[in-house]
Amino acid sequence: MRATIAFACLSILVKPALAQQPPDIQTLAVGPWTIATTYKADKFENCTMTRSSDGLGIMFVRNQEGLLLSLDSPKWRLERGKAYSVRLSTGSRSVDAKAMAESKSVTITLADAPFNERLRIANVLEVRGEGMTLRLPLDGSAAALERLDVCFDKNLRQSPESNPFVAPARRP
C-alpha cells in the first residue's frame, strides 16, 4: 500500500517535469550515422552527425560557423582549454588543425573546404596527435554529410527569424 502511494506521488511530481521538457532534438538514421537537429528555446542551433567506433564518440556539427569535428572518449584525461596540434588526413589530402580540449573531448574546426569535400568520399579520417593516430571510419559519410547539409539549410531557412508568423518545421 505504501509503495502504491509513493509511486502515485512520484508520478504526479515527475509528469509536470517531463511535460516542461520540449522535444528539442529530432533524429534520422543515415547508414551508420545519426543525423540530429538541435533547437534551444525554439531557436535553431545546429545539425549533428554522430556515431561511435571502438569506444570513441564521433560527431560532425554543422552550424552557422561551418563544420566542426568533435571526438570524445571516457578514457581520455585532457587538459581543459588546451589547444592540441593535430594533422587530419583523408587519403593523400592532409591539413593541420587545432583540437580544443575539454576533459574527455576535443573539438576541431574543419575550415578547409577542399578537405571537407574529401571527407565525403574517404573511407577513413586519420587524426594524428603527438601520442597516437586515431582512425575514424567514414563509411556512409557521403550520404550522411549530404543529409547534414540539407538539415542545416532547411532548418536555417525555416527558423523564426526568417518568418516569425510560421512555426519552424523541426526536421533532421
Protein backbone atom coordinates (compact mmCIF):
# COMPACT_ATOMS: atom_id res chain seq x y z
CA MET A 1 0.00 0.00 0.00
CA ARG A 2 2.78 2.44 0.91
CA ALA A 3 4.60 1.59 -2.31
CA THR A 4 1.46 2.36 -4.32
CA ILE A 5 1.02 5.74 -2.61
CA ALA A 6 4.72 6.58 -3.07
CA PHE A 7 4.52 5.65 -6.76
CA ALA A 8 1.39 7.76 -7.23
CA CYS A 9 3.04 10.78 -5.57
CA LEU A 10 6.20 10.30 -7.61
CA SER A 11 4.27 10.10 -10.88
CA ILE A 12 2.42 13.32 -10.02
CA LEU A 13 5.77 15.09 -9.45
CA VAL A 14 7.54 13.64 -12.49
CA LYS A 15 4.74 14.21 -15.03
CA PRO A 16 4.87 18.05 -14.94
CA ALA A 17 8.70 17.95 -15.16
CA LEU A 18 8.53 15.77 -18.26
CA ALA A 19 5.84 17.96 -19.79
CA GLN A 20 8.11 21.01 -19.43
CA GLN A 21 10.88 19.44 -21.50
CA PRO A 22 10.08 20.14 -25.16
CA PRO A 23 11.36 17.72 -27.79
CA ASP A 24 14.33 19.84 -28.88
CA ILE A 25 16.15 17.13 -30.81
CA GLN A 26 14.85 15.13 -33.79
CA THR A 27 16.93 12.30 -35.27
CA LEU A 28 17.24 10.33 -38.50
CA ALA A 29 19.50 7.36 -39.29
CA VAL A 30 21.63 7.52 -42.45
CA GLY A 31 23.68 4.34 -42.68
CA PRO A 32 25.81 4.05 -39.51
CA TRP A 33 25.33 7.77 -38.78
CA THR A 34 22.57 9.52 -36.82
CA ILE A 35 21.59 12.97 -38.05
CA ALA A 36 20.01 15.24 -35.42
CA THR A 37 18.56 18.73 -35.35
CA THR A 38 19.03 20.73 -32.16
CA TYR A 39 16.87 23.63 -31.04
CA LYS A 40 17.28 25.68 -27.88
CA ALA A 41 14.27 27.70 -26.70
CA ASP A 42 12.66 27.36 -30.16
CA LYS A 43 15.79 28.71 -31.85
CA PHE A 44 17.68 26.53 -34.33
CA GLU A 45 21.16 25.70 -33.01
CA ASN A 46 22.77 23.14 -35.34
CA CYS A 47 22.60 19.80 -37.08
CA THR A 48 24.84 16.93 -35.99
CA MET A 49 26.02 13.66 -37.50
CA THR A 50 27.14 11.08 -34.91
CA ARG A 51 28.36 7.53 -34.48
CA SER A 52 30.71 5.63 -32.24
CA SER A 53 33.61 3.35 -33.06
CA ASP A 54 35.81 1.37 -30.67
CA GLY A 55 34.68 3.39 -27.63
CA LEU A 56 35.23 6.71 -29.40
CA GLY A 57 32.35 9.12 -29.95
CA ILE A 58 32.50 10.85 -33.34
CA MET A 59 30.37 13.89 -34.13
CA PHE A 60 30.32 16.30 -37.05
CA VAL A 61 28.50 19.54 -36.22
CA ARG A 62 27.13 21.88 -38.91
CA ASN A 63 26.31 25.33 -37.56
CA GLN A 64 26.49 28.98 -38.62
CA GLU A 65 30.28 28.97 -38.22
CA GLY A 66 30.78 25.96 -40.52
CA LEU A 67 31.74 22.34 -39.92
CA LEU A 68 33.26 21.03 -36.68
CA LEU A 69 34.51 17.62 -35.64
CA SER A 70 34.07 16.55 -32.03
CA LEU A 71 35.70 13.43 -30.59
CA ASP A 72 35.19 12.05 -27.10
CA SER A 73 36.32 9.11 -25.03
CA PRO A 74 35.64 8.25 -21.39
CA LYS A 75 39.28 7.07 -21.17
CA TRP A 76 40.81 10.44 -22.01
CA ARG A 77 42.27 12.80 -19.41
CA LEU A 78 42.82 16.01 -21.33
CA GLU A 79 43.92 19.43 -20.17
CA ARG A 80 40.76 21.54 -20.41
CA GLY A 81 41.19 24.67 -22.55
CA LYS A 82 44.42 23.44 -24.17
CA ALA A 83 44.81 23.52 -27.96
CA TYR A 84 46.49 20.33 -29.17
CA SER A 85 48.11 20.32 -32.63
CA VAL A 86 46.74 17.60 -34.90
CA ARG A 87 47.12 16.57 -38.52
CA LEU A 88 43.96 15.43 -40.31
CA SER A 89 44.34 13.10 -43.30
CA THR A 90 42.00 11.50 -45.82
CA GLY A 91 43.97 9.58 -48.40
CA SER A 92 46.55 11.93 -49.93
CA ARG A 93 44.94 15.14 -48.59
CA SER A 94 46.11 16.48 -45.18
CA VAL A 95 45.58 19.64 -43.15
CA ASP A 96 46.95 20.89 -39.85
CA ALA A 97 44.43 21.91 -37.20
CA LYS A 98 43.98 22.59 -33.50
CA ALA A 99 41.98 20.30 -31.24
CA MET A 100 40.41 22.37 -28.45
CA ALA A 101 40.17 20.22 -25.33
CA GLU A 102 37.64 19.61 -22.62
CA SER A 103 38.35 16.94 -20.01
CA LYS A 104 37.11 13.99 -22.12
CA SER A 105 36.65 15.51 -25.60
CA VAL A 106 38.17 17.69 -28.30
CA THR A 107 36.60 19.93 -30.94
CA ILE A 108 38.33 20.61 -34.25
CA THR A 109 37.21 23.31 -36.66
CA LEU A 110 37.17 21.97 -40.23
CA ALA A 111 37.86 25.17 -42.17
CA ASP A 112 39.49 23.80 -45.34
CA ALA A 113 36.71 23.42 -47.96
CA PRO A 114 38.63 21.05 -50.31
CA PHE A 115 39.49 18.83 -47.33
CA ASN A 116 35.85 18.84 -46.19
CA GLU A 117 34.75 17.73 -49.68
CA ARG A 118 37.28 14.92 -49.45
CA LEU A 119 35.52 13.65 -46.30
CA ARG A 120 32.54 12.72 -48.49
CA ILE A 121 34.50 10.17 -50.49
CA ALA A 122 37.01 8.94 -47.90
CA ASN A 123 36.66 5.66 -46.04
CA VAL A 124 38.80 6.75 -43.08
CA LEU A 125 39.77 10.04 -41.43
CA GLU A 126 43.08 9.94 -39.59
CA VAL A 127 43.58 12.35 -36.69
CA ARG A 128 47.28 12.37 -35.77
CA GLY A 129 48.24 13.72 -32.40
CA GLU A 130 51.64 13.59 -30.76
CA GLY A 131 50.74 10.42 -28.85
CA MET A 132 48.87 8.36 -31.43
CA THR A 133 46.80 8.33 -34.61
CA LEU A 134 43.02 7.88 -34.37
CA ARG A 135 41.41 6.18 -37.38
CA LEU A 136 37.80 7.30 -37.73
CA PRO A 137 35.55 5.24 -40.02
CA LEU A 138 33.76 7.32 -42.65
CA ASP A 139 31.70 4.59 -44.33
CA GLY A 140 28.37 6.06 -45.38
CA SER A 141 29.68 9.59 -44.89
CA ALA A 142 28.80 10.79 -48.42
CA ALA A 143 25.06 10.35 -47.87
CA ALA A 144 25.25 11.43 -44.22
CA LEU A 145 27.20 14.64 -44.93
CA GLU A 146 24.76 15.46 -47.72
CA ARG A 147 21.86 14.97 -45.30
CA LEU A 148 23.69 17.06 -42.70
CA ASP A 149 23.91 19.97 -45.18
CA VAL A 150 20.23 19.56 -46.14
CA CYS A 151 19.29 19.53 -42.45
CA PHE A 152 21.21 22.73 -41.80
CA ASP A 153 19.91 24.57 -44.88
CA LYS A 154 16.25 23.61 -44.28
CA ASN A 155 16.25 24.46 -40.60
CA LEU A 156 18.14 27.71 -41.07
CA ARG A 157 15.69 28.87 -43.76
CA GLN A 158 12.69 27.85 -41.66
CA SER A 159 13.84 29.47 -38.43
CA PRO A 160 11.56 32.01 -36.71
CA GLU A 161 13.96 34.77 -37.75
CA SER A 162 13.13 34.16 -41.44
CA ASN A 163 9.34 34.02 -40.88
CA PRO A 164 8.08 34.89 -37.38
CA PHE A 165 4.48 34.00 -38.35
CA VAL A 166 5.09 30.31 -39.04
CA ALA A 167 6.28 27.69 -36.56
CA PRO A 168 9.54 26.10 -37.68
CA ALA A 169 9.41 22.55 -39.04
CA ARG A 170 11.96 20.67 -36.94
CA ARG A 171 13.43 18.10 -39.27
CA PRO A 172 16.82 16.45 -39.46
